[in-house]
Amino acid sequence: MILVKILGPGCSKCRSLEKKVRELIEKNNIPAEVLKVEDINEMMSYGIMMTPGLVINEQVKSYGIIPKDEQILKWLKEGE
């Protein structure tokens, strides 16, 4: 099972990224668990300076942007 973390305090970009990731996982039948991380100390432990952050299997894949669907899907499939 893939572990996906969305790092962010709940801003609109953070919510958009979480929604997009959840939709891609469901649409593509990817076995994944999605966690929303809002704790500032936990976010800082990943070394990101901007939100939203996307972490897949404990690897930071992006931060400060909402990646394109194709890129997120590629990362998710690499994590399987």
PDB file of N, CA and C in Angstrom:
ATOM      1  N   MET A   1       0.839  -1.182   0.000  1.00  0.00           N
ATOM      2  CA  MET A   1       0.000   0.000   0.000  1.00  0.00           C
ATOM      3  C   MET A   1       0.881   1.242   0.000  1.00  0.00           C
ATOM      4  N   ILE A   2       0.520   2.193  -0.831  1.00  0.00           N
ATOM      5  CA  ILE A   2       1.258   3.444  -0.942  1.00  0.00           C
ATOM      6  C   ILE A   2       0.768   4.392   0.145  1.00  0.00           C
ATOM      7  N   LEU A   3       1.691   5.099   0.771  1.00  0.00           N
ATOM      8  CA  LEU A   3       1.333   6.104   1.762  1.00  0.00           C
ATOM      9  C   LEU A   3       1.557   7.478   1.144  1.00  0.00           C
ATOM     10  N   VAL A   4       0.478   8.238   1.041  1.00  0.00           N
ATOM     11  CA  VAL A   4       0.526   9.578   0.458  1.00  0.00           C
ATOM     12  C   VAL A   4       0.207  10.581   1.554  1.00  0.00           C
ATOM     13  N   LYS A   5       1.028  11.616   1.652  1.00  0.00           N
ATOM     14  CA  LYS A   5       0.770  12.681   2.626  1.00  0.00           C
ATOM     15  C   LYS A   5       0.644  14.006   1.886  1.00  0.00           C
ATOM     16  N   ILE A   6      -0.397  14.732   2.227  1.00  0.00           N
ATOM     17  CA  ILE A   6      -0.586  16.084   1.714  1.00  0.00           C
ATOM     18  C   ILE A   6      -0.211  17.011   2.867  1.00  0.00           C
ATOM     19  N   LEU A   7       0.817  17.812   2.672  1.00  0.00           N
ATOM     20  CA  LEU A   7       1.295  18.709   3.717  1.00  0.00           C
ATOM     21  C   LEU A   7       0.738  20.100   3.476  1.00  0.00           C
ATOM     22  N   GLY A   8       0.038  20.638   4.469  1.00  0.00           N
ATOM     23  CA  GLY A   8      -0.484  21.984   4.328  1.00  0.00           C
ATOM     24  C   GLY A   8      -1.480  22.320   5.410  1.00  0.00           C
ATOM     25  N   PRO A   9      -1.626  23.621   5.679  1.00  0.00           N
ATOM     26  CA  PRO A   9      -2.476  24.069   6.778  1.00  0.00           C
ATOM     27  C   PRO A   9      -3.972  24.076   6.455  1.00  0.00           C
ATOM     28  N   GLY A  10      -4.347  23.768   5.234  1.00  0.00           N
ATOM     29  CA  GLY A  10      -5.763  23.772   4.886  1.00  0.00           C
ATOM     30  C   GLY A  10      -6.134  24.885   3.915  1.00  0.00           C
ATOM     31  N   CYS A  11      -5.144  25.463   3.264  1.00  0.00           N
ATOM     32  CA  CYS A  11      -5.414  26.516   2.282  1.00  0.00           C
ATOM     33  C   CYS A  11      -6.104  25.916   1.055  1.00  0.00           C
ATOM     34  N   SER A  12      -6.573  26.758   0.158  1.00  0.00           N
ATOM     35  CA  SER A  12      -7.307  26.266  -1.012  1.00  0.00           C
ATOM     36  C   SER A  12      -6.440  25.380  -1.899  1.00  0.00           C
ATOM     37  N   LYS A  13      -5.155  25.708  -2.045  1.00  0.00           N
ATOM     38  CA  LYS A  13      -4.263  24.863  -2.853  1.00  0.00           C
ATOM     39  C   LYS A  13      -4.083  23.491  -2.215  1.00  0.00           C
ATOM     40  N   CYS A  14      -3.996  23.470  -0.897  1.00  0.00           N
ATOM     41  CA  CYS A  14      -3.831  22.202  -0.168  1.00  0.00           C
ATOM     42  C   CYS A  14      -5.067  21.328  -0.356  1.00  0.00           C
ATOM     43  N   ARG A  15      -6.237  21.927  -0.244  1.00  0.00           N
ATOM     44  CA  ARG A  15      -7.484  21.177  -0.429  1.00  0.00           C
ATOM     45  C   ARG A  15      -7.612  20.690  -1.871  1.00  0.00           C
ATOM     46  N   SER A  16      -7.219  21.517  -2.822  1.00  0.00           N
ATOM     47  CA  SER A  16      -7.284  21.125  -4.237  1.00  0.00           C
ATOM     48  C   SER A  16      -6.369  19.944  -4.524  1.00  0.00           C
ATOM     49  N   LEU A  17      -5.151  19.983  -3.988  1.00  0.00           N
ATOM     50  CA  LEU A  17      -4.212  18.890  -4.206  1.00  0.00           C
ATOM     51  C   LEU A  17      -4.739  17.606  -3.569  1.00  0.00           C
ATOM     52  N   GLU A  18      -5.263  17.700  -2.361  1.00  0.00           N
ATOM     53  CA  GLU A  18      -5.795  16.512  -1.697  1.00  0.00           C
ATOM     54  C   GLU A  18      -6.945  15.911  -2.514  1.00  0.00           C
ATOM     55  N   LYS A  19      -7.845  16.749  -2.998  1.00  0.00           N
ATOM     56  CA  LYS A  19      -8.980  16.276  -3.800  1.00  0.00           C
ATOM     57  C   LYS A  19      -8.500  15.592  -5.071  1.00  0.00           C
ATOM     58  N   LYS A  20      -7.543  16.225  -5.751  1.00  0.00           N
ATOM     59  CA  LYS A  20      -7.004  15.676  -6.994  1.00  0.00           C
ATOM     60  C   LYS A  20      -6.352  14.314  -6.762  1.00  0.00           C
ATOM     61  N   VAL A  21      -5.534  14.207  -5.717  1.00  0.00           N
ATOM     62  CA  VAL A  21      -4.839  12.945  -5.409  1.00  0.00           C
ATOM     63  C   VAL A  21      -5.850  11.843  -5.101  1.00  0.00           C
ATOM     64  N   ARG A  22      -6.835  12.159  -4.271  1.00  0.00           N
ATOM     65  CA  ARG A  22      -7.853  11.164  -3.922  1.00  0.00           C
ATOM     66  C   ARG A  22      -8.622  10.694  -5.163  1.00  0.00           C
ATOM     67  N   GLU A  23      -8.963  11.622  -6.053  1.00  0.00           N
ATOM     68  CA  GLU A  23      -9.679  11.262  -7.281  1.00  0.00           C
ATOM     69  C   GLU A  23      -8.830  10.372  -8.180  1.00  0.00           C
ATOM     70  N   LEU A  24      -7.559  10.699  -8.337  1.00  0.00           N
ATOM     71  CA  LEU A  24      -6.667   9.895  -9.172  1.00  0.00           C
ATOM     72  C   LEU A  24      -6.498   8.487  -8.618  1.00  0.00           C
ATOM     73  N   ILE A  25      -6.379   8.379  -7.302  1.00  0.00           N
ATOM     74  CA  ILE A  25      -6.223   7.072  -6.660  1.00  0.00           C
ATOM     75  C   ILE A  25      -7.472   6.219  -6.897  1.00  0.00           C
ATOM     76  N   GLU A  26      -8.631   6.835  -6.688  1.00  0.00           N
ATOM     77  CA  GLU A  26      -9.883   6.090  -6.860  1.00  0.00           C
ATOM     78  C   GLU A  26     -10.105   5.696  -8.319  1.00  0.00           C
ATOM     79  N   LYS A  27      -9.916   6.641  -9.222  1.00  0.00           N
ATOM     80  CA  LYS A  27     -10.151   6.406 -10.650  1.00  0.00           C
ATOM     81  C   LYS A  27      -9.241   5.319 -11.222  1.00  0.00           C
ATOM     82  N   ASN A  28      -8.015   5.232 -10.694  1.00  0.00           N
ATOM     83  CA  ASN A  28      -7.034   4.291 -11.221  1.00  0.00           C
ATOM     84  C   ASN A  28      -6.842   3.053 -10.343  1.00  0.00           C
ATOM     85  N   ASN A  29      -7.706   2.882  -9.357  1.00  0.00           N
ATOM     86  CA  ASN A  29      -7.657   1.719  -8.459  1.00  0.00           C
ATOM     87  C   ASN A  29      -6.259   1.482  -7.880  1.00  0.00           C
ATOM     88  N   ILE A  30      -5.672   2.540  -7.371  1.00  0.00           N
ATOM     89  CA  ILE A  30      -4.334   2.448  -6.786  1.00  0.00           C
ATOM     90  C   ILE A  30      -4.479   2.206  -5.282  1.00  0.00           C
ATOM     91  N   PRO A  31      -3.823   1.168  -4.759  1.00  0.00           N
ATOM     92  CA  PRO A  31      -3.918   0.894  -3.324  1.00  0.00           C
ATOM     93  C   PRO A  31      -3.090   1.908  -2.534  1.00  0.00           C
ATOM     94  N   ALA A  32      -3.767   2.910  -1.990  1.00  0.00           N
ATOM     95  CA  ALA A  32      -3.044   3.966  -1.289  1.00  0.00           C
ATOM     96  C   ALA A  32      -3.860   4.501  -0.125  1.00  0.00           C
ATOM     97  N   GLU A  33      -3.137   4.977   0.863  1.00  0.00           N
ATOM     98  CA  GLU A  33      -3.741   5.664   1.998  1.00  0.00           C
ATOM     99  C   GLU A  33      -3.302   7.122   1.917  1.00  0.00           C
ATOM    100  N   VAL A  34      -4.257   8.035   2.055  1.00  0.00           N
ATOM    101  CA  VAL A  34      -3.955   9.464   1.983  1.00  0.00           C
ATOM    102  C   VAL A  34      -4.129  10.080   3.359  1.00  0.00           C
ATOM    103  N   LEU A  35      -3.085  10.750   3.816  1.00  0.00           N
ATOM    104  CA  LEU A  35      -3.129  11.443   5.097  1.00  0.00           C
ATOM    105  C   LEU A  35      -2.948  12.937   4.867  1.00  0.00           C
ATOM    106  N   LYS A  36      -3.696  13.740   5.577  1.00  0.00           N
ATOM    107  CA  LYS A  36      -3.551  15.191   5.514  1.00  0.00           C
ATOM    108  C   LYS A  36      -2.736  15.603   6.727  1.00  0.00           C
ATOM    109  N   VAL A  37      -1.602  16.241   6.513  1.00  0.00           N
ATOM    110  CA  VAL A  37      -0.715  16.662   7.598  1.00  0.00           C
ATOM    111  C   VAL A  37      -0.813  18.177   7.744  1.00  0.00           C
ATOM    112  N   GLU A  38      -1.334  18.625   8.890  1.00  0.00           N
ATOM    113  CA  GLU A  38      -1.482  20.059   9.138  1.00  0.00           C
ATOM    114  C   GLU A  38      -0.565  20.553  10.254  1.00  0.00           C
ATOM    115  N   ASP A  39       0.120  19.633  10.927  1.00  0.00           N
ATOM    116  CA  ASP A  39       1.025  20.004  12.014  1.00  0.00           C
ATOM    117  C   ASP A  39       2.293  20.647  11.440  1.00  0.00           C
ATOM    118  N   ILE A  40       2.549  21.882  11.834  1.00  0.00           N
ATOM    119  CA  ILE A  40       3.674  22.639  11.277  1.00  0.00           C
ATOM    120  C   ILE A  40       5.005  21.956  11.535  1.00  0.00           C
ATOM    121  N   ASN A  41       5.174  21.355  12.709  1.00  0.00           N
ATOM    122  CA  ASN A  41       6.444  20.687  13.019  1.00  0.00           C
ATOM    123  C   ASN A  41       6.665  19.471  12.130  1.00  0.00           C
ATOM    124  N   GLU A  42       5.596  18.719  11.869  1.00  0.00           N
ATOM    125  CA  GLU A  42       5.728  17.561  10.983  1.00  0.00           C
ATOM    126  C   GLU A  42       6.022  18.012   9.553  1.00  0.00           C
ATOM    127  N   MET A  43       5.357  19.089   9.116  1.00  0.00           N
ATOM    128  CA  MET A  43       5.626  19.614   7.767  1.00  0.00           C
ATOM    129  C   MET A  43       7.085  20.043   7.641  1.00  0.00           C
ATOM    130  N   MET A  44       7.583  20.720   8.669  1.00  0.00           N
ATOM    131  CA  MET A  44       8.972  21.204   8.646  1.00  0.00           C
ATOM    132  C   MET A  44       9.964  20.050   8.614  1.00  0.00           C
ATOM    133  N   SER A  45       9.593  18.896   9.168  1.00  0.00           N
ATOM    134  CA  SER A  45      10.507  17.750   9.186  1.00  0.00           C
ATOM    135  C   SER A  45      10.807  17.253   7.772  1.00  0.00           C
ATOM    136  N   TYR A  46       9.969  17.619   6.806  1.00  0.00           N
ATOM    137  CA  TYR A  46      10.205  17.227   5.409  1.00  0.00           C
ATOM    138  C   TYR A  46      11.035  18.271   4.659  1.00  0.00           C
ATOM    139  N   GLY A  47      11.341  19.378   5.320  1.00  0.00           N
ATOM    140  CA  GLY A  47      12.206  20.384   4.713  1.00  0.00           C
ATOM    141  C   GLY A  47      11.544  21.227   3.635  1.00  0.00           C
ATOM    142  N   ILE A  48      10.211  21.270   3.603  1.00  0.00           N
ATOM    143  CA  ILE A  48       9.551  22.088   2.588  1.00  0.00           C
ATOM    144  C   ILE A  48       9.395  23.516   3.095  1.00  0.00           C
ATOM    145  N   MET A  49       9.448  24.463   2.183  1.00  0.00           N
ATOM    146  CA  MET A  49       9.322  25.868   2.562  1.00  0.00           C
ATOM    147  C   MET A  49       7.979  26.454   2.124  1.00  0.00           C
ATOM    148  N   MET A  50       7.296  25.763   1.231  1.00  0.00           N
ATOM    149  CA  MET A  50       6.004  26.236   0.739  1.00  0.00           C
ATOM    150  C   MET A  50       5.033  25.072   0.702  1.00  0.00           C
ATOM    151  N   THR A  51       3.756  25.383   0.874  1.00  0.00           N
ATOM    152  CA  THR A  51       2.724  24.358   0.765  1.00  0.00           C
ATOM    153  C   THR A  51       1.906  24.621  -0.491  1.00  0.00           C
ATOM    154  N   PRO A  52       1.225  23.644  -1.017  1.00  0.00           N
ATOM    155  CA  PRO A  52       1.085  22.303  -0.471  1.00  0.00           C
ATOM    156  C   PRO A  52       2.296  21.430  -0.783  1.00  0.00           C
ATOM    157  N   GLY A  53       2.508  20.460   0.072  1.00  0.00           N
ATOM    158  CA  GLY A  53       3.566  19.482  -0.165  1.00  0.00           C
ATOM    159  C   GLY A  53       2.940  18.136  -0.471  1.00  0.00           C
ATOM    160  N   LEU A  54       3.581  17.394  -1.348  1.00  0.00           N
ATOM    161  CA  LEU A  54       3.126  16.044  -1.694  1.00  0.00           C
ATOM    162  C   LEU A  54       4.255  15.071  -1.377  1.00  0.00           C
ATOM    163  N   VAL A  55       3.960  14.140  -0.477  1.00  0.00           N
ATOM    164  CA  VAL A  55       4.945  13.144  -0.049  1.00  0.00           C
ATOM    165  C   VAL A  55       4.373  11.768  -0.359  1.00  0.00           C
ATOM    166  N   ILE A  56       5.129  10.965  -1.100  1.00  0.00           N
ATOM    167  CA  ILE A  56       4.699   9.609  -1.442  1.00  0.00           C
ATOM    168  C   ILE A  56       5.748   8.641  -0.911  1.00  0.00           C
ATOM    169  N   ASN A  57       5.297   7.724  -0.052  1.00  0.00           N
ATOM    170  CA  ASN A  57       6.202   6.756   0.583  1.00  0.00           C
ATOM    171  C   ASN A  57       7.419   7.451   1.196  1.00  0.00           C
ATOM    172  N   GLU A  58       7.130   8.529   1.921  1.00  0.00           N
ATOM    173  CA  GLU A  58       8.125   9.309   2.667  1.00  0.00           C
ATOM    174  C   GLU A  58       9.136  10.043   1.787  1.00  0.00           C
ATOM    175  N   GLN A  59       8.865  10.188   0.498  1.00  0.00           N
ATOM    176  CA  GLN A  59       9.724  10.981  -0.389  1.00  0.00           C
ATOM    177  C   GLN A  59       8.956  12.220  -0.837  1.00  0.00           C
ATOM    178  N   VAL A  60       9.550  13.395  -0.642  1.00  0.00           N
ATOM    179  CA  VAL A  60       8.912  14.633  -1.082  1.00  0.00           C
ATOM    180  C   VAL A  60       8.951  14.669  -2.614  1.00  0.00           C
ATOM    181  N   LYS A  61       7.776  14.761  -3.211  1.00  0.00           N
ATOM    182  CA  LYS A  61       7.674  14.788  -4.675  1.00  0.00           C
ATOM    183  C   LYS A  61       7.481  16.204  -5.193  1.00  0.00           C
ATOM    184  N   SER A  62       6.769  17.039  -4.432  1.00  0.00           N
ATOM    185  CA  SER A  62       6.589  18.426  -4.859  1.00  0.00           C
ATOM    186  C   SER A  62       6.200  19.277  -3.666  1.00  0.00           C
ATOM    187  N   TYR A  63       6.401  20.584  -3.813  1.00  0.00           N
ATOM    188  CA  TYR A  63       5.910  21.533  -2.814  1.00  0.00           C
ATOM    189  C   TYR A  63       5.753  22.892  -3.465  1.00  0.00           C
ATOM    190  N   GLY A  64       4.770  23.647  -2.977  1.00  0.00           N
ATOM    191  CA  GLY A  64       4.519  24.992  -3.486  1.00  0.00           C
ATOM    192  C   GLY A  64       3.716  25.039  -4.775  1.00  0.00           C
ATOM    193  N   ILE A  65       3.413  23.879  -5.348  1.00  0.00           N
ATOM    194  CA  ILE A  65       2.653  23.821  -6.605  1.00  0.00           C
ATOM    195  C   ILE A  65       1.634  22.684  -6.532  1.00  0.00           C
ATOM    196  N   ILE A  66       0.719  22.708  -7.480  1.00  0.00           N
ATOM    197  CA  ILE A  66      -0.172  21.562  -7.667  1.00  0.00           C
ATOM    198  C   ILE A  66       0.273  20.915  -8.980  1.00  0.00           C
ATOM    199  N   PRO A  67       0.938  19.758  -8.885  1.00  0.00           N
ATOM    200  CA  PRO A  67       1.439  19.101 -10.105  1.00  0.00           C
ATOM    201  C   PRO A  67       0.302  18.664 -11.027  1.00  0.00           C
ATOM    202  N   LYS A  68       0.639  18.482 -12.279  1.00  0.00           N
ATOM    203  CA  LYS A  68      -0.328  17.996 -13.263  1.00  0.00           C
ATOM    204  C   LYS A  68      -0.731  16.558 -12.928  1.00  0.00           C
ATOM    205  N   ASP A  69      -1.947  16.196 -13.329  1.00  0.00           N
ATOM    206  CA  ASP A  69      -2.473  14.850 -13.057  1.00  0.00           C
ATOM    207  C   ASP A  69      -1.512  13.765 -13.527  1.00  0.00           C
ATOM    208  N   GLU A  70      -0.961  13.926 -14.724  1.00  0.00           N
ATOM    209  CA  GLU A  70      -0.085  12.907 -15.295  1.00  0.00           C
ATOM    210  C   GLU A  70       1.148  12.684 -14.420  1.00  0.00           C
ATOM    211  N   GLN A  71       1.677  13.768 -13.859  1.00  0.00           N
ATOM    212  CA  GLN A  71       2.872  13.657 -13.017  1.00  0.00           C
ATOM    213  C   GLN A  71       2.529  12.954 -11.705  1.00  0.00           C
ATOM    214  N   ILE A  72       1.409  13.322 -11.102  1.00  0.00           N
ATOM    215  CA  ILE A  72       0.993  12.680  -9.845  1.00  0.00           C
ATOM    216  C   ILE A  72       0.778  11.188 -10.074  1.00  0.00           C
ATOM    217  N   LEU A  73       0.108  10.858 -11.167  1.00  0.00           N
ATOM    218  CA  LEU A  73      -0.164   9.462 -11.490  1.00  0.00           C
ATOM    219  C   LEU A  73       1.134   8.679 -11.685  1.00  0.00           C
ATOM    220  N   LYS A  74       2.097   9.282 -12.351  1.00  0.00           N
ATOM    221  CA  LYS A  74       3.404   8.644 -12.563  1.00  0.00           C
ATOM    222  C   LYS A  74       4.067   8.346 -11.213  1.00  0.00           C
ATOM    223  N   TRP A  75       4.055   9.319 -10.311  1.00  0.00           N
ATOM    224  CA  TRP A  75       4.651   9.125  -8.990  1.00  0.00           C
ATOM    225  C   TRP A  75       3.937   8.019  -8.222  1.00  0.00           C
ATOM    226  N   LEU A  76       2.604   8.015  -8.303  1.00  0.00           N
ATOM    227  CA  LEU A  76       1.839   6.993  -7.598  1.00  0.00           C
ATOM    228  C   LEU A  76       2.156   5.604  -8.128  1.00  0.00           C
ATOM    229  N   LYS A  77       2.246   5.470  -9.447  1.00  0.00           N
ATOM    230  CA  LYS A  77       2.528   4.169 -10.051  1.00  0.00           C
ATOM    231  C   LYS A  77       3.951   3.694  -9.717  1.00  0.00           C
ATOM    232  N   GLU A  78       4.887   4.639  -9.602  1.00  0.00           N
ATOM    233  CA  GLU A  78       6.256   4.290  -9.207  1.00  0.00           C
ATOM    234  C   GLU A  78       6.273   3.752  -7.770  1.00  0.00           C
ATOM    235  N   GLY A  79       5.327   4.188  -6.949  1.00  0.00           N
ATOM    236  CA  GLY A  79       5.278   3.795  -5.554  1.00  0.00           C
ATOM    237  C   GLY A  79       4.640   2.435  -5.308  1.00  0.00           C
ATOM    238  N   GLU A  80       3.968   1.892  -6.340  1.00  0.00           N
ATOM    239  CA  GLU A  80       3.276   0.607  -6.172  1.00  0.00           C
ATOM    240  C   GLU A  80       4.239  -0.546  -5.995  1.00  0.00           C
TER     241      GLU A  80
END
